[in-house]
Amino acid sequence: MTPGQQKLYNSIDEILWNEWDPISVNTHGLPRDEYQCYTPEVYALKTRNANQESIAKHLLKIETEIIGMPGGIEHCRMVAAKIMALTVNE
């Protein structure tokens, strides 16, 4: 991974932790690595030029099918928009 790709990866991880956080772990002092297993999937979508809706639906699927939360597509769209705004600086 180039430094730019690593920065993108880390930025996605931060967004998942700070913005997405479907079970509010970052406000309850739970382990920082709670969502890191999802970062590679979201990074792959971003680098394969997936659109915002595809990323939002992927996040929603994680929320509802993997984590077991009710989910919220509008929140996932907001998070996906932040991910879409990220760029790779080589």
N, C-alpha and C. Protein backbone atom coordinates (compact mmCIF):
# COMPACT_ATOMS: atom_id res chain seq x y z
N MET A 1 0.85 -1.17 0.00
CA MET A 1 0.00 0.00 0.00
C MET A 1 0.89 1.24 0.00
N THR A 2 0.58 2.17 -0.88
CA THR A 2 1.34 3.42 -0.89
C THR A 2 0.96 4.26 0.33
N PRO A 3 1.76 5.27 0.65
CA PRO A 3 1.37 6.14 1.77
C PRO A 3 -0.01 6.78 1.56
N GLY A 4 -0.32 7.15 0.33
CA GLY A 4 -1.63 7.74 0.05
C GLY A 4 -2.76 6.75 0.26
N GLN A 5 -2.55 5.52 -0.16
CA GLN A 5 -3.56 4.48 0.04
C GLN A 5 -3.73 4.18 1.52
N GLN A 6 -2.63 4.16 2.26
CA GLN A 6 -2.70 3.92 3.70
C GLN A 6 -3.46 5.04 4.40
N LYS A 7 -3.22 6.27 3.95
CA LYS A 7 -3.94 7.41 4.53
C LYS A 7 -5.44 7.29 4.26
N LEU A 8 -5.80 6.90 3.04
CA LEU A 8 -7.21 6.69 2.70
C LEU A 8 -7.81 5.60 3.58
N TYR A 9 -7.12 4.49 3.71
CA TYR A 9 -7.58 3.38 4.54
C TYR A 9 -7.81 3.84 5.98
N ASN A 10 -6.84 4.56 6.53
CA ASN A 10 -6.95 5.06 7.90
C ASN A 10 -8.09 6.05 8.04
N SER A 11 -8.30 6.87 7.02
CA SER A 11 -9.39 7.85 7.06
C SER A 11 -10.75 7.15 7.06
N ILE A 12 -10.87 6.10 6.27
CA ILE A 12 -12.11 5.32 6.26
C ILE A 12 -12.34 4.69 7.63
N ASP A 13 -11.29 4.14 8.21
CA ASP A 13 -11.39 3.55 9.54
C ASP A 13 -11.86 4.57 10.56
N GLU A 14 -11.33 5.78 10.49
CA GLU A 14 -11.73 6.85 11.41
C GLU A 14 -13.20 7.23 11.22
N ILE A 15 -13.64 7.30 9.98
CA ILE A 15 -15.04 7.64 9.71
C ILE A 15 -15.96 6.55 10.26
N LEU A 16 -15.60 5.29 10.06
CA LEU A 16 -16.42 4.21 10.60
C LEU A 16 -16.51 4.31 12.12
N TRP A 17 -15.41 4.64 12.76
CA TRP A 17 -15.37 4.73 14.22
C TRP A 17 -16.11 5.97 14.73
N ASN A 18 -15.83 7.12 14.14
CA ASN A 18 -16.36 8.37 14.66
C ASN A 18 -17.74 8.75 14.13
N GLU A 19 -18.03 8.41 12.89
CA GLU A 19 -19.27 8.86 12.26
C GLU A 19 -20.32 7.76 12.13
N TRP A 20 -19.90 6.58 11.73
CA TRP A 20 -20.87 5.50 11.50
C TRP A 20 -21.31 4.91 12.84
N ASP A 21 -20.43 4.27 13.56
CA ASP A 21 -20.60 3.79 14.94
C ASP A 21 -22.04 3.34 15.26
N PRO A 22 -22.55 2.30 14.60
CA PRO A 22 -23.95 1.92 14.78
C PRO A 22 -24.31 1.42 16.18
N ILE A 23 -23.34 1.01 16.97
CA ILE A 23 -23.66 0.55 18.33
C ILE A 23 -23.06 1.47 19.41
N SER A 24 -22.65 2.66 19.00
CA SER A 24 -22.15 3.69 19.93
C SER A 24 -21.01 3.22 20.82
N VAL A 25 -20.11 2.42 20.25
CA VAL A 25 -19.00 1.93 21.07
C VAL A 25 -17.99 3.02 21.41
N ASN A 26 -17.82 3.99 20.53
CA ASN A 26 -16.80 4.99 20.81
C ASN A 26 -17.19 5.95 21.92
N THR A 27 -18.47 5.98 22.27
CA THR A 27 -18.89 6.84 23.39
C THR A 27 -18.98 6.07 24.70
N HIS A 28 -18.79 4.76 24.65
CA HIS A 28 -18.91 3.93 25.85
C HIS A 28 -17.59 3.31 26.28
N GLY A 29 -16.49 3.77 25.71
CA GLY A 29 -15.19 3.29 26.11
C GLY A 29 -14.89 1.85 25.73
N LEU A 30 -15.57 1.36 24.72
CA LEU A 30 -15.33 -0.01 24.27
C LEU A 30 -14.13 -0.06 23.33
N PRO A 31 -13.66 -1.25 22.99
CA PRO A 31 -12.42 -1.37 22.20
C PRO A 31 -12.44 -0.59 20.88
N ARG A 32 -11.34 0.05 20.58
CA ARG A 32 -11.18 0.87 19.37
C ARG A 32 -11.29 0.03 18.11
N ASP A 33 -11.01 -1.25 18.21
CA ASP A 33 -10.99 -2.08 17.01
C ASP A 33 -12.35 -2.67 16.62
N GLU A 34 -13.41 -2.23 17.26
CA GLU A 34 -14.74 -2.81 17.05
C GLU A 34 -15.15 -2.87 15.58
N TYR A 35 -14.87 -1.83 14.80
CA TYR A 35 -15.32 -1.79 13.41
C TYR A 35 -14.19 -2.01 12.40
N GLN A 36 -12.99 -2.24 12.89
CA GLN A 36 -11.85 -2.35 11.98
C GLN A 36 -11.95 -3.53 11.02
N CYS A 37 -12.71 -4.53 11.36
CA CYS A 37 -12.87 -5.67 10.45
C CYS A 37 -13.69 -5.29 9.22
N TYR A 38 -14.42 -4.18 9.27
CA TYR A 38 -15.22 -3.72 8.14
C TYR A 38 -14.46 -2.75 7.24
N THR A 39 -13.37 -2.21 7.73
CA THR A 39 -12.61 -1.23 6.97
C THR A 39 -12.11 -1.79 5.63
N PRO A 40 -11.55 -3.00 5.56
CA PRO A 40 -11.08 -3.49 4.27
C PRO A 40 -12.19 -3.56 3.20
N GLU A 41 -13.40 -3.96 3.62
CA GLU A 41 -14.52 -4.06 2.68
C GLU A 41 -14.90 -2.68 2.14
N VAL A 42 -14.99 -1.72 3.02
CA VAL A 42 -15.37 -0.37 2.62
C VAL A 42 -14.26 0.26 1.79
N TYR A 43 -13.02 0.03 2.18
CA TYR A 43 -11.87 0.52 1.40
C TYR A 43 -11.92 -0.07 -0.01
N ALA A 44 -12.19 -1.35 -0.14
CA ALA A 44 -12.27 -1.99 -1.45
C ALA A 44 -13.38 -1.37 -2.30
N LEU A 45 -14.52 -1.12 -1.70
CA LEU A 45 -15.60 -0.47 -2.45
C LEU A 45 -15.17 0.91 -2.94
N LYS A 46 -14.57 1.67 -2.05
CA LYS A 46 -14.11 3.03 -2.41
C LYS A 46 -13.09 2.99 -3.53
N THR A 47 -12.13 2.10 -3.44
CA THR A 47 -11.06 2.08 -4.44
C THR A 47 -11.50 1.42 -5.75
N ARG A 48 -12.61 0.73 -5.73
CA ARG A 48 -13.17 0.16 -6.96
C ARG A 48 -14.22 1.07 -7.56
N ASN A 49 -14.26 2.30 -7.08
CA ASN A 49 -15.16 3.34 -7.58
C ASN A 49 -16.63 3.01 -7.41
N ALA A 50 -16.98 2.35 -6.32
CA ALA A 50 -18.39 2.14 -6.00
C ALA A 50 -19.03 3.50 -5.77
N ASN A 51 -20.31 3.59 -6.05
CA ASN A 51 -20.98 4.88 -5.83
C ASN A 51 -21.43 5.00 -4.36
N GLN A 52 -21.88 6.17 -4.02
CA GLN A 52 -22.26 6.47 -2.64
C GLN A 52 -23.36 5.54 -2.16
N GLU A 53 -24.34 5.28 -2.99
CA GLU A 53 -25.46 4.43 -2.59
C GLU A 53 -24.99 2.99 -2.32
N SER A 54 -24.06 2.50 -3.11
CA SER A 54 -23.53 1.15 -2.89
C SER A 54 -22.83 1.05 -1.54
N ILE A 55 -22.06 2.07 -1.21
CA ILE A 55 -21.36 2.07 0.09
C ILE A 55 -22.38 2.18 1.22
N ALA A 56 -23.38 3.03 1.05
CA ALA A 56 -24.42 3.18 2.08
C ALA A 56 -25.16 1.87 2.30
N LYS A 57 -25.52 1.19 1.23
CA LYS A 57 -26.23 -0.08 1.36
C LYS A 57 -25.35 -1.15 1.99
N HIS A 58 -24.07 -1.10 1.71
CA HIS A 58 -23.14 -2.04 2.34
C HIS A 58 -23.09 -1.79 3.85
N LEU A 59 -22.98 -0.54 4.25
CA LEU A 59 -22.96 -0.21 5.68
C LEU A 59 -24.27 -0.63 6.35
N LEU A 60 -25.38 -0.40 5.67
CA LEU A 60 -26.68 -0.79 6.22
C LEU A 60 -26.77 -2.31 6.37
N LYS A 61 -26.25 -3.03 5.41
CA LYS A 61 -26.26 -4.49 5.48
C LYS A 61 -25.44 -4.97 6.69
N ILE A 62 -24.30 -4.34 6.93
CA ILE A 62 -23.50 -4.69 8.10
C ILE A 62 -24.30 -4.43 9.37
N GLU A 63 -24.92 -3.24 9.43
CA GLU A 63 -25.71 -2.88 10.61
C GLU A 63 -26.81 -3.89 10.89
N THR A 64 -27.58 -4.23 9.86
CA THR A 64 -28.77 -5.04 10.07
C THR A 64 -28.51 -6.54 10.07
N GLU A 65 -27.64 -7.02 9.19
CA GLU A 65 -27.45 -8.45 9.05
C GLU A 65 -26.30 -9.00 9.88
N ILE A 66 -25.28 -8.21 10.10
CA ILE A 66 -24.12 -8.71 10.84
C ILE A 66 -24.16 -8.26 12.30
N ILE A 67 -24.37 -6.98 12.51
CA ILE A 67 -24.39 -6.45 13.88
C ILE A 67 -25.75 -6.70 14.53
N GLY A 68 -26.81 -6.71 13.74
CA GLY A 68 -28.14 -6.98 14.28
C GLY A 68 -28.86 -5.77 14.83
N MET A 69 -28.52 -4.61 14.31
CA MET A 69 -29.19 -3.38 14.72
C MET A 69 -30.30 -3.05 13.73
N PRO A 70 -31.22 -2.16 14.09
CA PRO A 70 -32.30 -1.80 13.17
C PRO A 70 -31.78 -1.13 11.90
N GLY A 71 -30.70 -0.39 11.99
CA GLY A 71 -30.13 0.27 10.82
C GLY A 71 -30.83 1.55 10.46
N GLY A 72 -30.15 2.36 9.66
CA GLY A 72 -30.70 3.63 9.21
C GLY A 72 -30.04 4.04 7.91
N ILE A 73 -30.77 3.92 6.80
CA ILE A 73 -30.17 4.21 5.49
C ILE A 73 -29.73 5.66 5.36
N GLU A 74 -30.46 6.60 5.93
CA GLU A 74 -30.06 8.01 5.80
C GLU A 74 -28.73 8.27 6.49
N HIS A 75 -28.55 7.69 7.67
CA HIS A 75 -27.27 7.85 8.37
C HIS A 75 -26.15 7.20 7.55
N CYS A 76 -26.42 6.03 7.01
CA CYS A 76 -25.42 5.34 6.19
C CYS A 76 -25.08 6.16 4.95
N ARG A 77 -26.06 6.83 4.37
CA ARG A 77 -25.79 7.69 3.21
C ARG A 77 -24.90 8.86 3.59
N MET A 78 -25.12 9.42 4.77
CA MET A 78 -24.28 10.53 5.23
C MET A 78 -22.84 10.07 5.42
N VAL A 79 -22.68 8.89 6.02
CA VAL A 79 -21.34 8.33 6.22
C VAL A 79 -20.70 8.03 4.88
N ALA A 80 -21.47 7.44 3.97
CA ALA A 80 -20.95 7.12 2.64
C ALA A 80 -20.52 8.38 1.90
N ALA A 81 -21.23 9.47 2.07
CA ALA A 81 -20.87 10.74 1.43
C ALA A 81 -19.51 11.21 1.93
N LYS A 82 -19.25 11.04 3.22
CA LYS A 82 -17.95 11.43 3.77
C LYS A 82 -16.84 10.55 3.21
N ILE A 83 -17.13 9.27 3.04
CA ILE A 83 -16.15 8.36 2.46
C ILE A 83 -15.91 8.71 1.01
N MET A 84 -16.96 9.03 0.28
CA MET A 84 -16.82 9.41 -1.12
C MET A 84 -15.98 10.68 -1.30
N ALA A 85 -16.02 11.55 -0.32
CA ALA A 85 -15.28 12.82 -0.40
C ALA A 85 -13.79 12.64 -0.19
N LEU A 86 -13.38 11.50 0.33
CA LEU A 86 -11.96 11.24 0.57
C LEU A 86 -11.23 11.02 -0.77
N THR A 87 -9.98 11.43 -0.80
CA THR A 87 -9.16 11.23 -1.98
C THR A 87 -7.84 10.56 -1.59
N VAL A 88 -7.22 9.95 -2.60
CA VAL A 88 -5.91 9.34 -2.39
C VAL A 88 -4.87 10.36 -2.80
N ASN A 89 -4.02 10.73 -1.89
CA ASN A 89 -2.93 11.65 -2.19
C ASN A 89 -1.64 10.85 -2.20
N GLU A 90 -1.11 10.63 -3.37
CA GLU A 90 0.09 9.80 -3.51
C GLU A 90 1.32 10.51 -2.99
